[in-house]
All heavy atoms as atom14 arrays in JSON, in Angstrom:
{
  "sequence": "GVYVASDLLARHLRQKCPGLNIRLGMNRLLMEKKRDAGFYNMLA",
  "atom14_mask": [
    [1, 1, 1, 1, 0, 0, 0, 0, 0, 0, 0, 0, 0, 0],
    [1, 1, 1, 1, 1, 1, 1, 0, 0, 0, 0, 0, 0, 0],
    [1, 1, 1, 1, 1, 1, 1, 1, 1, 1, 1, 1, 0, 0],
    [1, 1, 1, 1, 1, 1, 1, 0, 0, 0, 0, 0, 0, 0],
    [1, 1, 1, 1, 1, 0, 0, 0, 0, 0, 0, 0, 0, 0],
    [1, 1, 1, 1, 1, 1, 0, 0, 0, 0, 0, 0, 0, 0],
    [1, 1, 1, 1, 1, 1, 1, 1, 0, 0, 0, 0, 0, 0],
    [1, 1, 1, 1, 1, 1, 1, 1, 0, 0, 0, 0, 0, 0],
    [1, 1, 1, 1, 1, 1, 1, 1, 0, 0, 0, 0, 0, 0],
    [1, 1, 1, 1, 1, 0, 0, 0, 0, 0, 0, 0, 0, 0],
    [1, 1, 1, 1, 1, 1, 1, 1, 1, 1, 1, 0, 0, 0],
    [1, 1, 1, 1, 1, 1, 1, 1, 1, 1, 0, 0, 0, 0],
    [1, 1, 1, 1, 1, 1, 1, 1, 0, 0, 0, 0, 0, 0],
    [1, 1, 1, 1, 1, 1, 1, 1, 1, 1, 1, 0, 0, 0],
    [1, 1, 1, 1, 1, 1, 1, 1, 1, 0, 0, 0, 0, 0],
    [1, 1, 1, 1, 1, 1, 1, 1, 1, 0, 0, 0, 0, 0],
    [1, 1, 1, 1, 1, 1, 0, 0, 0, 0, 0, 0, 0, 0],
    [1, 1, 1, 1, 1, 1, 1, 0, 0, 0, 0, 0, 0, 0],
    [1, 1, 1, 1, 0, 0, 0, 0, 0, 0, 0, 0, 0, 0],
    [1, 1, 1, 1, 1, 1, 1, 1, 0, 0, 0, 0, 0, 0],
    [1, 1, 1, 1, 1, 1, 1, 1, 0, 0, 0, 0, 0, 0],
    [1, 1, 1, 1, 1, 1, 1, 1, 0, 0, 0, 0, 0, 0],
    [1, 1, 1, 1, 1, 1, 1, 1, 1, 1, 1, 0, 0, 0],
    [1, 1, 1, 1, 1, 1, 1, 1, 0, 0, 0, 0, 0, 0],
    [1, 1, 1, 1, 0, 0, 0, 0, 0, 0, 0, 0, 0, 0],
    [1, 1, 1, 1, 1, 1, 1, 1, 0, 0, 0, 0, 0, 0],
    [1, 1, 1, 1, 1, 1, 1, 1, 0, 0, 0, 0, 0, 0],
    [1, 1, 1, 1, 1, 1, 1, 1, 1, 1, 1, 0, 0, 0],
    [1, 1, 1, 1, 1, 1, 1, 1, 0, 0, 0, 0, 0, 0],
    [1, 1, 1, 1, 1, 1, 1, 1, 0, 0, 0, 0, 0, 0],
    [1, 1, 1, 1, 1, 1, 1, 1, 0, 0, 0, 0, 0, 0],
    [1, 1, 1, 1, 1, 1, 1, 1, 1, 0, 0, 0, 0, 0],
    [1, 1, 1, 1, 1, 1, 1, 1, 1, 0, 0, 0, 0, 0],
    [1, 1, 1, 1, 1, 1, 1, 1, 1, 0, 0, 0, 0, 0],
    [1, 1, 1, 1, 1, 1, 1, 1, 1, 1, 1, 0, 0, 0],
    [1, 1, 1, 1, 1, 1, 1, 1, 0, 0, 0, 0, 0, 0],
    [1, 1, 1, 1, 1, 0, 0, 0, 0, 0, 0, 0, 0, 0],
    [1, 1, 1, 1, 0, 0, 0, 0, 0, 0, 0, 0, 0, 0],
    [1, 1, 1, 1, 1, 1, 1, 1, 1, 1, 1, 0, 0, 0],
    [1, 1, 1, 1, 1, 1, 1, 1, 1, 1, 1, 1, 0, 0],
    [1, 1, 1, 1, 1, 1, 1, 1, 0, 0, 0, 0, 0, 0],
    [1, 1, 1, 1, 1, 1, 1, 1, 0, 0, 0, 0, 0, 0],
    [1, 1, 1, 1, 1, 1, 1, 1, 0, 0, 0, 0, 0, 0],
    [1, 1, 1, 1, 1, 0, 0, 0, 0, 0, 0, 0, 0, 0]
  ],
  "atom14_positions": [
    [[-128.0, -116.99, -118.01], [-128.61, -117.54, -116.81], [-130.09, -117.18, -116.77], [-130.69, -116.81, -117.78], [0.0, 0.0, 0.0], [0.0, 0.0, 0.0], [0.0, 0.0, 0.0], [0.0, 0.0, 0.0], [0.0, 0.0, 0.0], [0.0, 0.0, 0.0], [0.0, 0.0, 0.0], [0.0, 0.0, 0.0], [0.0, 0.0, 0.0], [0.0, 0.0, 0.0]],
    [[-130.66, -117.26, -115.57], [-132.09, -116.96, -115.43], [-132.33, -116.16, -114.15], [-131.56, -116.24, -113.19], [-132.96, -118.25, -115.38], [-132.87, -119.02, -116.67], [-132.57, -119.12, -114.19], [0.0, 0.0, 0.0], [0.0, 0.0, 0.0], [0.0, 0.0, 0.0], [0.0, 0.0, 0.0], [0.0, 0.0, 0.0], [0.0, 0.0, 0.0], [0.0, 0.0, 0.0]],
    [[-133.39, -115.37, -114.18], [-134.0, -114.8, -112.98], [-135.26, -115.61, -112.7], [-136.0, -115.96, -113.63], [-134.41, -113.34, -113.18], [-133.29, -112.33, -113.09], [-132.5, -112.03, -114.2], [-133.03, -111.66, -111.9], [-131.49, -111.1, -114.13], [-132.02, -110.71, -111.82], [-131.25, -110.44, -112.93], [-130.25, -109.51, -112.86], [0.0, 0.0, 0.0], [0.0, 0.0, 0.0]],
    [[-135.52, -115.88, -111.44], [-136.76, -116.56, -111.05], [-137.42, -115.78, -109.93], [-136.76, -115.06, -109.18], [-136.51, -118.02, -110.61], [-135.92, -118.84, -111.74], [-135.6, -118.07, -109.38], [0.0, 0.0, 0.0], [0.0, 0.0, 0.0], [0.0, 0.0, 0.0], [0.0, 0.0, 0.0], [0.0, 0.0, 0.0], [0.0, 0.0, 0.0], [0.0, 0.0, 0.0]],
    [[-138.74, -115.95, -109.81], [-139.48, -115.36, -108.71], [-140.26, -116.42, -107.94], [-141.0, -116.1, -107.02], [-140.44, -114.29, -109.22], [0.0, 0.0, 0.0], [0.0, 0.0, 0.0], [0.0, 0.0, 0.0], [0.0, 0.0, 0.0], [0.0, 0.0, 0.0], [0.0, 0.0, 0.0], [0.0, 0.0, 0.0], [0.0, 0.0, 0.0], [0.0, 0.0, 0.0]],
    [[-140.07, -117.68, -108.34], [-140.79, -118.8, -107.75], [-139.8, -119.83, -107.22], [-138.9, -120.26, -107.95], [-141.71, -119.44, -108.8], [-142.09, -120.74, -108.43], [0.0, 0.0, 0.0], [0.0, 0.0, 0.0], [0.0, 0.0, 0.0], [0.0, 0.0, 0.0], [0.0, 0.0, 0.0], [0.0, 0.0, 0.0], [0.0, 0.0, 0.0], [0.0, 0.0, 0.0]],
    [[-139.97, -120.23, -105.96], [-139.12, -121.28, -105.4], [-139.31, -122.6, -106.13], [-138.36, -123.36, -106.32], [-139.42, -121.45, -103.9], [-139.06, -120.22, -103.09], [-138.19, -119.44, -103.54], [-139.66, -120.02, -102.01], [0.0, 0.0, 0.0], [0.0, 0.0, 0.0], [0.0, 0.0, 0.0], [0.0, 0.0, 0.0], [0.0, 0.0, 0.0], [0.0, 0.0, 0.0]],
    [[-140.55, -122.87, -106.54], [-140.83, -124.1, -107.29], [-140.03, -124.14, -108.58], [-139.41, -125.15, -108.92], [-142.32, -124.18, -107.61], [-143.26, -124.87, -106.62], [-144.69, -124.77, -107.12], [-142.86, -126.32, -106.42], [0.0, 0.0, 0.0], [0.0, 0.0, 0.0], [0.0, 0.0, 0.0], [0.0, 0.0, 0.0], [0.0, 0.0, 0.0], [0.0, 0.0, 0.0]],
    [[-140.05, -123.04, -109.3], [-139.34, -122.98, -110.59], [-137.83, -123.06, -110.36], [-137.12, -123.71, -111.14], [-139.7, -121.7, -111.34], [-139.08, -121.55, -112.72], [-139.5, -122.69, -113.64], [-139.46, -120.21, -113.36], [0.0, 0.0, 0.0], [0.0, 0.0, 0.0], [0.0, 0.0, 0.0], [0.0, 0.0, 0.0], [0.0, 0.0, 0.0], [0.0, 0.0, 0.0]],
    [[-137.33, -122.43, -109.31], [-135.9, -122.5, -109.02], [-135.46, -123.94, -108.82], [-134.42, -124.37, -109.36], [-135.58, -121.67, -107.78], [0.0, 0.0, 0.0], [0.0, 0.0, 0.0], [0.0, 0.0, 0.0], [0.0, 0.0, 0.0], [0.0, 0.0, 0.0], [0.0, 0.0, 0.0], [0.0, 0.0, 0.0], [0.0, 0.0, 0.0], [0.0, 0.0, 0.0]],
    [[-136.23, -124.7, -108.07], [-135.87, -126.12, -107.85], [-135.95, -126.9, -109.15], [-135.08, -127.75, -109.44], [-136.8, -126.73, -106.8], [-136.53, -126.28, -105.38], [-137.23, -127.17, -104.36], [-138.67, -127.0, -104.42], [-139.35, -126.11, -103.7], [-138.71, -125.28, -102.9], [-140.66, -126.05, -103.79], [0.0, 0.0, 0.0], [0.0, 0.0, 0.0], [0.0, 0.0, 0.0]],
    [[-136.96, -126.62, -109.95], [-137.14, -127.31, -111.23], [-135.94, -127.08, -112.16], [-135.41, -128.03, -112.77], [-138.43, -126.81, -111.87], [-138.69, -127.33, -113.25], [-138.96, -128.66, -113.51], [-138.71, -126.69, -114.47], [-139.14, -128.82, -114.82], [-138.99, -127.64, -115.42], [0.0, 0.0, 0.0], [0.0, 0.0, 0.0], [0.0, 0.0, 0.0], [0.0, 0.0, 0.0]],
    [[-135.5, -125.84, -112.25], [-134.4, -125.51, -113.16], [-133.07, -126.02, -112.62], [-132.19, -126.41, -113.41], [-134.35, -124.0, -113.4], [-135.61, -123.39, -114.02], [-135.42, -121.9, -114.28], [-135.99, -124.1, -115.32], [0.0, 0.0, 0.0], [0.0, 0.0, 0.0], [0.0, 0.0, 0.0], [0.0, 0.0, 0.0], [0.0, 0.0, 0.0], [0.0, 0.0, 0.0]],
    [[-132.91, -126.02, -111.32], [-131.67, -126.56, -110.73], [-131.53, -128.05, -110.99], [-130.42, -128.56, -111.18], [-131.63, -126.29, -109.22], [-131.21, -124.87, -108.86], [-130.73, -124.81, -107.42], [-130.33, -123.44, -107.08], [-131.1, -122.58, -106.42], [-132.31, -122.96, -106.01], [-130.67, -121.37, -106.14], [0.0, 0.0, 0.0], [0.0, 0.0, 0.0], [0.0, 0.0, 0.0]],
    [[-132.65, -128.75, -110.96], [-132.61, -130.18, -111.26], [-132.16, -130.43, -112.69], [-131.46, -131.39, -112.99], [-133.98, -130.81, -111.01], [-134.36, -130.9, -109.54], [-135.79, -131.37, -109.33], [-136.53, -131.59, -110.29], [-136.18, -131.52, -108.07], [0.0, 0.0, 0.0], [0.0, 0.0, 0.0], [0.0, 0.0, 0.0], [0.0, 0.0, 0.0], [0.0, 0.0, 0.0]],
    [[-132.57, -129.54, -113.59], [-132.18, -129.68, -114.99], [-130.72, -129.29, -115.22], [-130.04, -129.88, -116.07], [-133.08, -128.8, -115.88], [-134.49, -129.32, -116.09], [-135.3, -128.33, -116.9], [-136.6, -128.93, -117.39], [-136.41, -129.89, -118.49], [0.0, 0.0, 0.0], [0.0, 0.0, 0.0], [0.0, 0.0, 0.0], [0.0, 0.0, 0.0], [0.0, 0.0, 0.0]],
    [[-130.25, -128.28, -114.49], [-128.88, -127.79, -114.68], [-128.35, -127.27, -113.34], [-128.51, -126.08, -113.03], [-128.85, -126.7, -115.73], [-127.18, -126.1, -116.11], [0.0, 0.0, 0.0], [0.0, 0.0, 0.0], [0.0, 0.0, 0.0], [0.0, 0.0, 0.0], [0.0, 0.0, 0.0], [0.0, 0.0, 0.0], [0.0, 0.0, 0.0], [0.0, 0.0, 0.0]],
    [[-127.73, -128.13, -112.53], [-127.32, -127.74, -111.17], [-126.37, -126.55, -111.11], [-126.39, -125.8, -110.14], [-126.65, -129.02, -110.63], [-127.25, -130.13, -111.44], [-127.49, -129.55, -112.8], [0.0, 0.0, 0.0], [0.0, 0.0, 0.0], [0.0, 0.0, 0.0], [0.0, 0.0, 0.0], [0.0, 0.0, 0.0], [0.0, 0.0, 0.0], [0.0, 0.0, 0.0]],
    [[-125.54, -126.35, -112.1], [-124.54, -125.29, -112.02], [-124.94, -123.97, -112.65], [-124.12, -123.06, -112.74], [0.0, 0.0, 0.0], [0.0, 0.0, 0.0], [0.0, 0.0, 0.0], [0.0, 0.0, 0.0], [0.0, 0.0, 0.0], [0.0, 0.0, 0.0], [0.0, 0.0, 0.0], [0.0, 0.0, 0.0], [0.0, 0.0, 0.0], [0.0, 0.0, 0.0]],
    [[-126.2, -123.85, -113.05], [-126.62, -122.65, -113.77], [-126.64, -121.43, -112.85], [-126.94, -121.52, -111.66], [-128.01, -122.86, -114.37], [-128.52, -121.72, -115.25], [-127.73, -121.66, -116.55], [-130.01, -121.91, -115.55], [0.0, 0.0, 0.0], [0.0, 0.0, 0.0], [0.0, 0.0, 0.0], [0.0, 0.0, 0.0], [0.0, 0.0, 0.0], [0.0, 0.0, 0.0]],
    [[-126.35, -120.26, -113.43], [-126.43, -119.0, -112.71], [-127.91, -118.62, -112.55], [-128.56, -118.22, -113.5], [-125.67, -117.92, -113.49], [-125.54, -116.61, -112.71], [-126.35, -116.28, -111.86], [-124.5, -115.86, -113.03], [0.0, 0.0, 0.0], [0.0, 0.0, 0.0], [0.0, 0.0, 0.0], [0.0, 0.0, 0.0], [0.0, 0.0, 0.0], [0.0, 0.0, 0.0]],
    [[-128.42, -118.75, -111.33], [-129.82, -118.45, -111.05], [-129.9, -117.28, -110.08], [-129.36, -117.34, -108.97], [-130.56, -119.67, -110.46], [-130.54, -120.84, -111.46], [-132.01, -119.3, -110.12], [-131.29, -122.07, -110.98], [0.0, 0.0, 0.0], [0.0, 0.0, 0.0], [0.0, 0.0, 0.0], [0.0, 0.0, 0.0], [0.0, 0.0, 0.0], [0.0, 0.0, 0.0]],
    [[-130.56, -116.22, -110.51], [-130.74, -115.03, -109.69], [-132.19, -114.93, -109.22], [-133.1, -115.32, -109.95], [-130.36, -113.77, -110.48], [-128.93, -113.78, -111.0], [-128.66, -112.56, -111.87], [-127.3, -112.52, -112.38], [-126.83, -111.6, -113.2], [-127.63, -110.61, -113.59], [-125.59, -111.63, -113.62], [0.0, 0.0, 0.0], [0.0, 0.0, 0.0], [0.0, 0.0, 0.0]],
    [[-132.36, -114.41, -108.04], [-133.7, -114.24, -107.5], [-134.22, -112.85, -107.84], [-133.62, -111.84, -107.44], [-133.7, -114.43, -105.98], [-135.09, -114.48, -105.33], [-135.84, -115.73, -105.78], [-134.98, -114.45, -103.82], [0.0, 0.0, 0.0], [0.0, 0.0, 0.0], [0.0, 0.0, 0.0], [0.0, 0.0, 0.0], [0.0, 0.0, 0.0], [0.0, 0.0, 0.0]],
    [[-135.32, -112.79, -108.6], [-135.91, -111.52, -109.0], [-136.74, -110.9, -107.89], [-137.18, -111.57, -106.96], [0.0, 0.0, 0.0], [0.0, 0.0, 0.0], [0.0, 0.0, 0.0], [0.0, 0.0, 0.0], [0.0, 0.0, 0.0], [0.0, 0.0, 0.0], [0.0, 0.0, 0.0], [0.0, 0.0, 0.0], [0.0, 0.0, 0.0], [0.0, 0.0, 0.0]],
    [[-137.0, -109.59, -108.02], [-137.65, -108.88, -106.92], [-139.12, -109.24, -106.77], [-139.7, -108.99, -105.71], [-137.48, -107.37, -107.07], [-138.12, -106.74, -108.25], [-137.77, -104.95, -108.24], [-138.65, -104.45, -109.72], [0.0, 0.0, 0.0], [0.0, 0.0, 0.0], [0.0, 0.0, 0.0], [0.0, 0.0, 0.0], [0.0, 0.0, 0.0], [0.0, 0.0, 0.0]],
    [[-139.77, -109.84, -107.78], [-141.16, -110.23, -107.6], [-141.31, -111.31, -106.53], [-142.38, -111.44, -105.93], [-141.76, -110.72, -108.92], [-142.2, -109.57, -109.8], [-142.0, -108.41, -109.46], [-142.81, -109.88, -110.92], [0.0, 0.0, 0.0], [0.0, 0.0, 0.0], [0.0, 0.0, 0.0], [0.0, 0.0, 0.0], [0.0, 0.0, 0.0], [0.0, 0.0, 0.0]],
    [[-140.28, -112.07, -106.28], [-140.31, -113.06, -105.19], [-140.47, -112.37, -103.84], [-141.04, -112.92, -102.9], [-139.02, -113.89, -105.22], [-138.75, -114.74, -103.99], [-139.78, -115.83, -103.79], [-139.44, -116.68, -102.66], [-139.67, -116.37, -101.39], [-140.25, -115.21, -101.08], [-139.33, -117.21, -100.42], [0.0, 0.0, 0.0], [0.0, 0.0, 0.0], [0.0, 0.0, 0.0]],
    [[-139.98, -111.14, -103.73], [-139.97, -110.43, -102.45], [-141.24, -109.63, -102.21], [-141.53, -109.26, -101.06], [-138.77, -109.48, -102.4], [-137.43, -110.08, -102.81], [-136.38, -108.98, -102.91], [-137.0, -111.14, -101.82], [0.0, 0.0, 0.0], [0.0, 0.0, 0.0], [0.0, 0.0, 0.0], [0.0, 0.0, 0.0], [0.0, 0.0, 0.0], [0.0, 0.0, 0.0]],
    [[-141.99, -109.37, -103.27], [-143.15, -108.5, -103.15], [-144.19, -109.05, -102.18], [-144.92, -108.3, -101.55], [-143.8, -108.29, -104.51], [-142.99, -107.46, -105.51], [-143.62, -107.55, -106.89], [-142.91, -106.01, -105.06], [0.0, 0.0, 0.0], [0.0, 0.0, 0.0], [0.0, 0.0, 0.0], [0.0, 0.0, 0.0], [0.0, 0.0, 0.0], [0.0, 0.0, 0.0]],
    [[-144.25, -110.36, -102.07], [-145.28, -110.98, -101.25], [-144.83, -111.22, -99.81], [-145.59, -111.73, -99.0], [-145.7, -112.32, -101.89], [-145.88, -112.27, -103.39], [-146.98, -110.93, -103.96], [-146.84, -111.1, -105.74], [0.0, 0.0, 0.0], [0.0, 0.0, 0.0], [0.0, 0.0, 0.0], [0.0, 0.0, 0.0], [0.0, 0.0, 0.0], [0.0, 0.0, 0.0]],
    [[-143.59, -110.89, -99.51], [-143.06, -111.11, -98.16], [-143.41, -109.95, -97.25], [-143.12, -108.79, -97.57], [-141.53, -111.29, -98.21], [-141.07, -112.54, -98.92], [-141.42, -113.81, -98.17], [-141.58, -113.74, -96.92], [-141.55, -114.86, -98.81], [0.0, 0.0, 0.0], [0.0, 0.0, 0.0], [0.0, 0.0, 0.0], [0.0, 0.0, 0.0], [0.0, 0.0, 0.0]],
    [[-144.02, -110.24, -96.12], [-144.37, -109.19, -95.17], [-143.18, -108.77, -94.32], [-143.11, -107.64, -93.85], [-145.51, -109.67, -94.27], [-146.82, -109.91, -95.02], [-147.93, -110.35, -94.07], [-149.23, -110.57, -94.84], [-150.33, -111.0, -93.93], [0.0, 0.0, 0.0], [0.0, 0.0, 0.0], [0.0, 0.0, 0.0], [0.0, 0.0, 0.0], [0.0, 0.0, 0.0]],
    [[-142.23, -109.69, -94.12], [-141.07, -109.39, -93.28], [-139.81, -109.56, -94.11], [-139.34, -110.67, -94.33], [-141.04, -110.29, -92.05], [-139.92, -109.94, -91.08], [-139.95, -110.86, -89.86], [-138.82, -110.5, -88.89], [-138.81, -111.39, -87.71], [0.0, 0.0, 0.0], [0.0, 0.0, 0.0], [0.0, 0.0, 0.0], [0.0, 0.0, 0.0], [0.0, 0.0, 0.0]],
    [[-139.26, -108.47, -94.58], [-138.05, -108.51, -95.39], [-136.91, -107.87, -94.58], [-136.49, -106.75, -94.85], [-138.25, -107.75, -96.71], [-139.39, -108.26, -97.57], [-139.42, -107.53, -98.91], [-139.42, -106.09, -98.74], [-140.49, -105.34, -98.57], [-141.69, -105.91, -98.53], [-140.4, -104.03, -98.42], [0.0, 0.0, 0.0], [0.0, 0.0, 0.0], [0.0, 0.0, 0.0]],
    [[-136.44, -108.6, -93.59], [-135.35, -108.06, -92.77], [-134.01, -108.59, -93.29], [-133.95, -109.36, -94.26], [-135.55, -108.4, -91.3], [-135.66, -109.9, -91.04], [-135.33, -110.7, -91.95], [-136.09, -110.29, -89.93], [0.0, 0.0, 0.0], [0.0, 0.0, 0.0], [0.0, 0.0, 0.0], [0.0, 0.0, 0.0], [0.0, 0.0, 0.0], [0.0, 0.0, 0.0]],
    [[-132.92, -108.16, -92.64], [-131.59, -108.55, -93.09], [-131.39, -110.06, -93.02], [-130.74, -110.65, -93.89], [-130.53, -107.82, -92.26], [0.0, 0.0, 0.0], [0.0, 0.0, 0.0], [0.0, 0.0, 0.0], [0.0, 0.0, 0.0], [0.0, 0.0, 0.0], [0.0, 0.0, 0.0], [0.0, 0.0, 0.0], [0.0, 0.0, 0.0], [0.0, 0.0, 0.0]],
    [[-131.95, -110.7, -91.98], [-131.82, -112.15, -91.86], [-132.45, -112.87, -93.03], [-131.9, -113.86, -93.54], [0.0, 0.0, 0.0], [0.0, 0.0, 0.0], [0.0, 0.0, 0.0], [0.0, 0.0, 0.0], [0.0, 0.0, 0.0], [0.0, 0.0, 0.0], [0.0, 0.0, 0.0], [0.0, 0.0, 0.0], [0.0, 0.0, 0.0], [0.0, 0.0, 0.0]],
    [[-133.59, -112.38, -93.49], [-134.27, -112.97, -94.64], [-133.43, -112.83, -95.9], [-133.22, -113.81, -96.65], [-135.62, -112.29, -94.83], [-136.37, -112.7, -96.06], [-136.9, -113.97, -96.19], [-136.55, -111.8, -97.11], [-137.6, -114.35, -97.34], [-137.24, -112.17, -98.25], [-137.76, -113.44, -98.36], [0.0, 0.0, 0.0], [0.0, 0.0, 0.0], [0.0, 0.0, 0.0]],
    [[-132.9, -111.64, -96.14], [-132.05, -111.42, -97.32], [-130.77, -112.27, -97.25], [-130.35, -112.85, -98.26], [-131.69, -109.94, -97.43], [-132.74, -109.1, -98.11], [-133.46, -108.14, -97.4], [-133.01, -109.24, -99.46], [-134.41, -107.34, -98.02], [-133.96, -108.45, -100.09], [-134.66, -107.5, -99.36], [-135.61, -106.73, -99.99], [0.0, 0.0, 0.0], [0.0, 0.0, 0.0]],
    [[-130.14, -112.32, -96.09], [-128.9, -113.09, -95.96], [-129.15, -114.58, -96.2], [-128.29, -115.27, -96.75], [-128.29, -112.86, -94.58], [-127.67, -111.48, -94.45], [-127.16, -110.92, -95.41], [-127.72, -110.92, -93.25], [0.0, 0.0, 0.0], [0.0, 0.0, 0.0], [0.0, 0.0, 0.0], [0.0, 0.0, 0.0], [0.0, 0.0, 0.0], [0.0, 0.0, 0.0]],
    [[-130.33, -115.07, -95.78], [-130.68, -116.46, -96.04], [-130.82, -116.71, -97.54], [-130.32, -117.69, -98.08], [-131.98, -116.81, -95.31], [-132.49, -118.24, -95.55], [-133.55, -118.38, -97.03], [-134.98, -117.4, -96.52], [0.0, 0.0, 0.0], [0.0, 0.0, 0.0], [0.0, 0.0, 0.0], [0.0, 0.0, 0.0], [0.0, 0.0, 0.0], [0.0, 0.0, 0.0]],
    [[-131.49, -115.8, -98.25], [-131.67, -115.95, -99.69], [-130.32, -115.92, -100.42], [-130.14, -116.62, -101.43], [-132.57, -114.85, -100.23], [-134.04, -114.87, -99.79], [-134.77, -113.64, -100.31], [-134.73, -116.14, -100.28], [0.0, 0.0, 0.0], [0.0, 0.0, 0.0], [0.0, 0.0, 0.0], [0.0, 0.0, 0.0], [0.0, 0.0, 0.0], [0.0, 0.0, 0.0]],
    [[-129.4, -115.13, -99.92], [-128.09, -115.0, -100.57], [-127.3, -116.31, -100.53], [-126.37, -116.49, -101.32], [-127.29, -113.88, -99.93], [0.0, 0.0, 0.0], [0.0, 0.0, 0.0], [0.0, 0.0, 0.0], [0.0, 0.0, 0.0], [0.0, 0.0, 0.0], [0.0, 0.0, 0.0], [0.0, 0.0, 0.0], [0.0, 0.0, 0.0], [0.0, 0.0, 0.0]]
  ]
}
C-alpha cells in the first residue's frame, strides 16, 4: 500500500486504484493547528 501526506495525492491515487490500502502519514498533521479528537476521528 502507500502512506500519503497530501490530500491531493490521496485523491489521485484513489482514482487510479480505488481499493488500495492508503494510510495517512504524520507529515499531513504537522501543519494542522487544531488536532483534536474530532479531527482525528474524521480522518479515520
